[in-house]
Amino acid sequence: MLKGLGGLGDMAKMMKAAQEMQGKMAELQEQLGRMVVVGEAGAGLVKARCTAKGEVTGLDIDPSILVASEKEVVEDLILAAIHDAQAKAAARGASEMQKMAADLGLPADMKLPF
């Protein structure tokens, strides 16, 4: 293709690979935005849903814990459920990034931003 131009042929391959990776990253970002993970607290009395990108999309609170005198406990459970969901989202995102890196032939320990 670019015979006689030395390293420019390799540069063209690298540019093509970079464009492919950029496309796959965009596709993965879209997929992560659709994946849902659920975090729990209080043995499932409070559940938080979020995308694999960490965006909280919903809460489910068992009505049995909605007692005015237990307000602080409920607040703590809500925060714990959100943190659990976000931790699961981060783990899921990292796992999906590792899969993509492996599919692209990149080293398994290479950290890709997401």
N, C-alpha and C. Protein backbone atom coordinates (compact mmCIF):
# COMPACT_ATOMS: atom_id res chain seq x y z
N MET A 1 0.82 -1.19 0.00
CA MET A 1 0.00 0.00 0.00
C MET A 1 0.87 1.25 0.00
N LEU A 2 1.63 1.46 1.04
CA LEU A 2 2.53 2.61 1.08
C LEU A 2 3.97 2.14 0.96
N LYS A 3 4.19 1.23 0.05
CA LYS A 3 5.51 0.64 -0.12
C LYS A 3 6.53 1.72 -0.47
N GLY A 4 7.67 1.62 0.16
CA GLY A 4 8.74 2.56 -0.12
C GLY A 4 8.67 3.80 0.76
N LEU A 5 7.67 3.90 1.61
CA LEU A 5 7.56 5.08 2.47
C LEU A 5 8.00 4.79 3.90
N GLY A 6 8.65 3.67 4.08
CA GLY A 6 9.20 3.35 5.40
C GLY A 6 8.12 3.15 6.45
N GLY A 7 8.25 3.88 7.55
CA GLY A 7 7.36 3.73 8.69
C GLY A 7 5.97 4.31 8.50
N LEU A 8 5.70 4.97 7.38
CA LEU A 8 4.38 5.56 7.19
C LEU A 8 3.29 4.50 7.06
N GLY A 9 3.64 3.35 6.52
CA GLY A 9 2.67 2.25 6.44
C GLY A 9 2.27 1.80 7.83
N ASP A 10 3.25 1.70 8.72
CA ASP A 10 2.97 1.35 10.11
C ASP A 10 2.13 2.42 10.77
N MET A 11 2.39 3.67 10.45
CA MET A 11 1.63 4.78 11.02
C MET A 11 0.17 4.70 10.58
N ALA A 12 -0.06 4.33 9.33
CA ALA A 12 -1.43 4.19 8.83
C ALA A 12 -2.15 3.08 9.59
N LYS A 13 -1.45 1.98 9.84
CA LYS A 13 -2.03 0.87 10.61
C LYS A 13 -2.37 1.33 12.02
N MET A 14 -1.45 2.09 12.61
CA MET A 14 -1.68 2.57 13.97
C MET A 14 -2.88 3.52 14.02
N MET A 15 -3.00 4.38 13.03
CA MET A 15 -4.13 5.32 12.99
C MET A 15 -5.44 4.56 12.83
N LYS A 16 -5.44 3.54 11.98
CA LYS A 16 -6.64 2.74 11.80
C LYS A 16 -7.01 2.02 13.09
N ALA A 17 -6.00 1.47 13.78
CA ALA A 17 -6.24 0.79 15.05
C ALA A 17 -6.76 1.76 16.10
N ALA A 18 -6.22 2.97 16.11
CA ALA A 18 -6.68 3.98 17.08
C ALA A 18 -8.13 4.36 16.80
N GLN A 19 -8.49 4.50 15.53
CA GLN A 19 -9.87 4.83 15.18
C GLN A 19 -10.81 3.69 15.57
N GLU A 20 -10.37 2.46 15.37
CA GLU A 20 -11.17 1.30 15.75
C GLU A 20 -11.39 1.28 17.26
N MET A 21 -10.30 1.53 17.99
CA MET A 21 -10.41 1.55 19.45
C MET A 21 -11.33 2.67 19.91
N GLN A 22 -11.25 3.82 19.30
CA GLN A 22 -12.11 4.95 19.66
C GLN A 22 -13.58 4.60 19.42
N GLY A 23 -13.85 3.94 18.32
CA GLY A 23 -15.22 3.51 18.02
C GLY A 23 -15.73 2.51 19.04
N LYS A 24 -14.87 1.55 19.40
CA LYS A 24 -15.26 0.54 20.39
C LYS A 24 -15.46 1.18 21.77
N MET A 25 -14.64 2.17 22.11
CA MET A 25 -14.80 2.86 23.39
C MET A 25 -16.14 3.59 23.44
N ALA A 26 -16.50 4.26 22.35
CA ALA A 26 -17.78 4.97 22.30
C ALA A 26 -18.94 3.99 22.43
N GLU A 27 -18.83 2.87 21.75
CA GLU A 27 -19.87 1.83 21.83
C GLU A 27 -19.97 1.28 23.25
N LEU A 28 -18.84 1.05 23.89
CA LEU A 28 -18.83 0.54 25.26
C LEU A 28 -19.44 1.56 26.22
N GLN A 29 -19.12 2.84 26.04
CA GLN A 29 -19.69 3.88 26.88
C GLN A 29 -21.22 3.87 26.80
N GLU A 30 -21.72 3.68 25.59
CA GLU A 30 -23.17 3.61 25.39
C GLU A 30 -23.75 2.38 26.10
N GLN A 31 -23.07 1.25 25.98
CA GLN A 31 -23.53 0.02 26.64
C GLN A 31 -23.52 0.18 28.15
N LEU A 32 -22.47 0.79 28.70
CA LEU A 32 -22.37 0.99 30.14
C LEU A 32 -23.51 1.87 30.65
N GLY A 33 -23.94 2.80 29.82
CA GLY A 33 -25.05 3.67 30.19
C GLY A 33 -26.38 2.93 30.23
N ARG A 34 -26.46 1.78 29.57
CA ARG A 34 -27.70 0.99 29.56
C ARG A 34 -27.67 -0.15 30.58
N MET A 35 -26.47 -0.56 31.01
CA MET A 35 -26.37 -1.64 32.00
C MET A 35 -26.82 -1.14 33.35
N VAL A 36 -27.57 -1.97 34.06
CA VAL A 36 -28.07 -1.59 35.38
C VAL A 36 -27.50 -2.53 36.44
N VAL A 37 -27.02 -1.94 37.52
CA VAL A 37 -26.57 -2.71 38.67
C VAL A 37 -27.40 -2.27 39.87
N VAL A 38 -27.53 -3.15 40.85
CA VAL A 38 -28.33 -2.85 42.03
C VAL A 38 -27.46 -3.01 43.28
N GLY A 39 -27.46 -1.97 44.10
CA GLY A 39 -26.78 -2.02 45.39
C GLY A 39 -27.83 -2.15 46.49
N GLU A 40 -27.45 -2.80 47.57
CA GLU A 40 -28.39 -3.02 48.67
C GLU A 40 -27.78 -2.62 50.00
N ALA A 41 -28.66 -2.32 50.94
CA ALA A 41 -28.26 -2.07 52.32
C ALA A 41 -29.40 -2.53 53.22
N GLY A 42 -29.05 -2.80 54.48
CA GLY A 42 -30.07 -3.23 55.43
C GLY A 42 -30.72 -4.53 55.03
N ALA A 43 -29.92 -5.49 54.58
CA ALA A 43 -30.42 -6.81 54.16
C ALA A 43 -31.50 -6.68 53.08
N GLY A 44 -31.32 -5.73 52.18
CA GLY A 44 -32.25 -5.57 51.06
C GLY A 44 -33.41 -4.64 51.33
N LEU A 45 -33.44 -4.01 52.51
CA LEU A 45 -34.54 -3.09 52.81
C LEU A 45 -34.44 -1.82 51.96
N VAL A 46 -33.23 -1.46 51.56
CA VAL A 46 -33.03 -0.32 50.67
C VAL A 46 -32.20 -0.80 49.49
N LYS A 47 -32.68 -0.52 48.29
CA LYS A 47 -31.97 -0.89 47.06
C LYS A 47 -31.81 0.35 46.20
N ALA A 48 -30.64 0.48 45.62
CA ALA A 48 -30.36 1.59 44.71
C ALA A 48 -29.98 1.01 43.36
N ARG A 49 -30.56 1.54 42.30
CA ARG A 49 -30.22 1.14 40.94
C ARG A 49 -29.36 2.24 40.31
N CYS A 50 -28.36 1.81 39.59
CA CYS A 50 -27.58 2.79 38.82
C CYS A 50 -27.03 2.13 37.57
N THR A 51 -26.63 2.98 36.64
CA THR A 51 -26.04 2.46 35.42
C THR A 51 -24.62 2.00 35.74
N ALA A 52 -24.04 1.25 34.84
CA ALA A 52 -22.66 0.81 35.03
C ALA A 52 -21.68 1.97 34.93
N LYS A 53 -22.18 3.15 34.57
CA LYS A 53 -21.36 4.36 34.57
C LYS A 53 -21.44 5.06 35.92
N GLY A 54 -22.29 4.55 36.84
CA GLY A 54 -22.37 5.10 38.18
C GLY A 54 -23.49 6.11 38.40
N GLU A 55 -24.34 6.32 37.41
CA GLU A 55 -25.44 7.27 37.54
C GLU A 55 -26.62 6.60 38.24
N VAL A 56 -27.01 7.14 39.40
CA VAL A 56 -28.13 6.57 40.16
C VAL A 56 -29.42 6.83 39.40
N THR A 57 -30.21 5.76 39.19
CA THR A 57 -31.45 5.88 38.42
C THR A 57 -32.70 5.57 39.23
N GLY A 58 -32.54 5.01 40.43
CA GLY A 58 -33.73 4.73 41.21
C GLY A 58 -33.42 4.18 42.58
N LEU A 59 -34.41 4.28 43.45
CA LEU A 59 -34.33 3.74 44.81
C LEU A 59 -35.57 2.92 45.09
N ASP A 60 -35.40 1.89 45.90
CA ASP A 60 -36.53 1.10 46.37
C ASP A 60 -36.35 0.97 47.88
N ILE A 61 -37.30 1.55 48.61
CA ILE A 61 -37.21 1.57 50.07
C ILE A 61 -38.40 0.80 50.63
N ASP A 62 -38.11 -0.22 51.43
CA ASP A 62 -39.17 -0.99 52.07
C ASP A 62 -39.92 -0.07 53.04
N PRO A 63 -41.23 0.02 52.92
CA PRO A 63 -42.00 0.94 53.76
C PRO A 63 -41.88 0.66 55.25
N SER A 64 -41.50 -0.55 55.62
CA SER A 64 -41.41 -0.88 57.05
C SER A 64 -40.35 -0.07 57.79
N ILE A 65 -39.39 0.50 57.06
CA ILE A 65 -38.34 1.27 57.73
C ILE A 65 -38.65 2.77 57.77
N LEU A 66 -39.75 3.18 57.19
CA LEU A 66 -40.09 4.59 57.15
C LEU A 66 -40.82 5.01 58.43
N VAL A 67 -40.03 5.11 59.47
CA VAL A 67 -40.52 5.53 60.78
C VAL A 67 -39.81 6.83 61.11
N ALA A 68 -40.57 7.86 61.47
CA ALA A 68 -40.00 9.18 61.71
C ALA A 68 -38.85 9.16 62.71
N SER A 69 -38.95 8.35 63.74
CA SER A 69 -37.89 8.31 64.76
C SER A 69 -36.61 7.64 64.25
N GLU A 70 -36.70 6.96 63.12
CA GLU A 70 -35.55 6.26 62.54
C GLU A 70 -35.00 6.97 61.30
N LYS A 71 -35.26 8.25 61.18
CA LYS A 71 -34.86 9.03 60.00
C LYS A 71 -33.38 8.87 59.67
N GLU A 72 -32.51 9.01 60.67
CA GLU A 72 -31.07 8.92 60.43
C GLU A 72 -30.67 7.53 59.93
N VAL A 73 -31.30 6.50 60.47
CA VAL A 73 -31.00 5.14 60.04
C VAL A 73 -31.38 4.97 58.57
N VAL A 74 -32.55 5.47 58.19
CA VAL A 74 -33.00 5.37 56.80
C VAL A 74 -32.04 6.13 55.88
N GLU A 75 -31.63 7.31 56.29
CA GLU A 75 -30.68 8.09 55.48
C GLU A 75 -29.37 7.33 55.30
N ASP A 76 -28.89 6.73 56.38
CA ASP A 76 -27.65 5.95 56.30
C ASP A 76 -27.81 4.75 55.37
N LEU A 77 -28.95 4.08 55.45
CA LEU A 77 -29.20 2.92 54.57
C LEU A 77 -29.26 3.34 53.11
N ILE A 78 -29.88 4.49 52.86
CA ILE A 78 -29.96 4.99 51.47
C ILE A 78 -28.56 5.26 50.94
N LEU A 79 -27.76 5.96 51.72
CA LEU A 79 -26.39 6.24 51.29
C LEU A 79 -25.58 4.97 51.09
N ALA A 80 -25.75 4.02 51.99
CA ALA A 80 -25.02 2.75 51.87
C ALA A 80 -25.43 2.00 50.61
N ALA A 81 -26.72 2.01 50.29
CA ALA A 81 -27.19 1.33 49.07
C ALA A 81 -26.64 2.01 47.83
N ILE A 82 -26.62 3.35 47.84
CA ILE A 82 -26.07 4.09 46.69
C ILE A 82 -24.58 3.78 46.53
N HIS A 83 -23.84 3.81 47.64
CA HIS A 83 -22.41 3.50 47.56
C HIS A 83 -22.16 2.08 47.07
N ASP A 84 -22.98 1.14 47.51
CA ASP A 84 -22.86 -0.24 47.06
C ASP A 84 -23.11 -0.34 45.56
N ALA A 85 -24.16 0.34 45.10
CA ALA A 85 -24.47 0.31 43.66
C ALA A 85 -23.34 0.95 42.85
N GLN A 86 -22.80 2.06 43.33
CA GLN A 86 -21.72 2.71 42.59
C GLN A 86 -20.45 1.87 42.58
N ALA A 87 -20.18 1.16 43.68
CA ALA A 87 -19.01 0.27 43.70
C ALA A 87 -19.20 -0.87 42.71
N LYS A 88 -20.41 -1.42 42.67
CA LYS A 88 -20.69 -2.49 41.70
C LYS A 88 -20.60 -1.96 40.27
N ALA A 89 -21.05 -0.71 40.07
CA ALA A 89 -20.97 -0.10 38.74
C ALA A 89 -19.52 0.06 38.31
N ALA A 90 -18.67 0.52 39.22
CA ALA A 90 -17.25 0.69 38.90
C ALA A 90 -16.61 -0.65 38.56
N ALA A 91 -16.94 -1.68 39.33
CA ALA A 91 -16.39 -3.01 39.06
C ALA A 91 -16.87 -3.53 37.72
N ARG A 92 -18.14 -3.31 37.41
CA ARG A 92 -18.69 -3.77 36.13
C ARG A 92 -18.04 -3.02 34.97
N GLY A 93 -17.87 -1.71 35.13
CA GLY A 93 -17.23 -0.92 34.09
C GLY A 93 -15.80 -1.37 33.85
N ALA A 94 -15.06 -1.62 34.93
CA ALA A 94 -13.68 -2.07 34.80
C ALA A 94 -13.62 -3.43 34.12
N SER A 95 -14.55 -4.32 34.48
CA SER A 95 -14.61 -5.64 33.87
C SER A 95 -14.87 -5.55 32.37
N GLU A 96 -15.81 -4.69 31.99
CA GLU A 96 -16.13 -4.52 30.57
C GLU A 96 -14.95 -3.91 29.81
N MET A 97 -14.23 -3.01 30.46
CA MET A 97 -13.05 -2.41 29.83
C MET A 97 -11.97 -3.46 29.62
N GLN A 98 -11.79 -4.34 30.60
CA GLN A 98 -10.79 -5.41 30.46
C GLN A 98 -11.15 -6.31 29.30
N LYS A 99 -12.44 -6.64 29.17
CA LYS A 99 -12.87 -7.49 28.05
C LYS A 99 -12.55 -6.81 26.73
N MET A 100 -12.85 -5.50 26.64
CA MET A 100 -12.59 -4.78 25.40
C MET A 100 -11.09 -4.74 25.10
N ALA A 101 -10.28 -4.49 26.14
CA ALA A 101 -8.83 -4.45 25.95
C ALA A 101 -8.33 -5.79 25.43
N ALA A 102 -8.84 -6.88 25.99
CA ALA A 102 -8.43 -8.21 25.54
C ALA A 102 -8.86 -8.44 24.10
N ASP A 103 -10.07 -8.00 23.74
CA ASP A 103 -10.54 -8.15 22.36
C ASP A 103 -9.68 -7.38 21.38
N LEU A 104 -9.11 -6.26 21.84
CA LEU A 104 -8.25 -5.44 20.98
C LEU A 104 -6.80 -5.89 21.01
N GLY A 105 -6.51 -6.92 21.83
CA GLY A 105 -5.14 -7.42 21.91
C GLY A 105 -4.24 -6.56 22.77
N LEU A 106 -4.82 -5.75 23.65
CA LEU A 106 -4.03 -4.91 24.54
C LEU A 106 -3.68 -5.71 25.79
N PRO A 107 -2.63 -5.31 26.50
CA PRO A 107 -2.26 -6.02 27.73
C PRO A 107 -3.41 -6.01 28.74
N ALA A 108 -3.60 -7.09 29.46
CA ALA A 108 -4.71 -7.24 30.40
C ALA A 108 -4.65 -6.21 31.52
N ASP A 109 -3.45 -5.79 31.91
CA ASP A 109 -3.32 -4.85 33.01
C ASP A 109 -3.34 -3.38 32.57
N MET A 110 -3.59 -3.15 31.30
CA MET A 110 -3.64 -1.78 30.79
C MET A 110 -4.94 -1.11 31.27
N LYS A 111 -4.79 0.05 31.87
CA LYS A 111 -5.94 0.79 32.39
C LYS A 111 -6.48 1.73 31.32
N LEU A 112 -7.74 1.52 30.95
CA LEU A 112 -8.40 2.39 29.99
C LEU A 112 -9.39 3.27 30.72
N PRO A 113 -9.49 4.54 30.36
CA PRO A 113 -10.47 5.40 31.03
C PRO A 113 -11.88 5.06 30.58
N PHE A 114 -12.84 5.20 31.52
CA PHE A 114 -14.23 5.02 31.13
C PHE A 114 -15.12 5.96 31.80
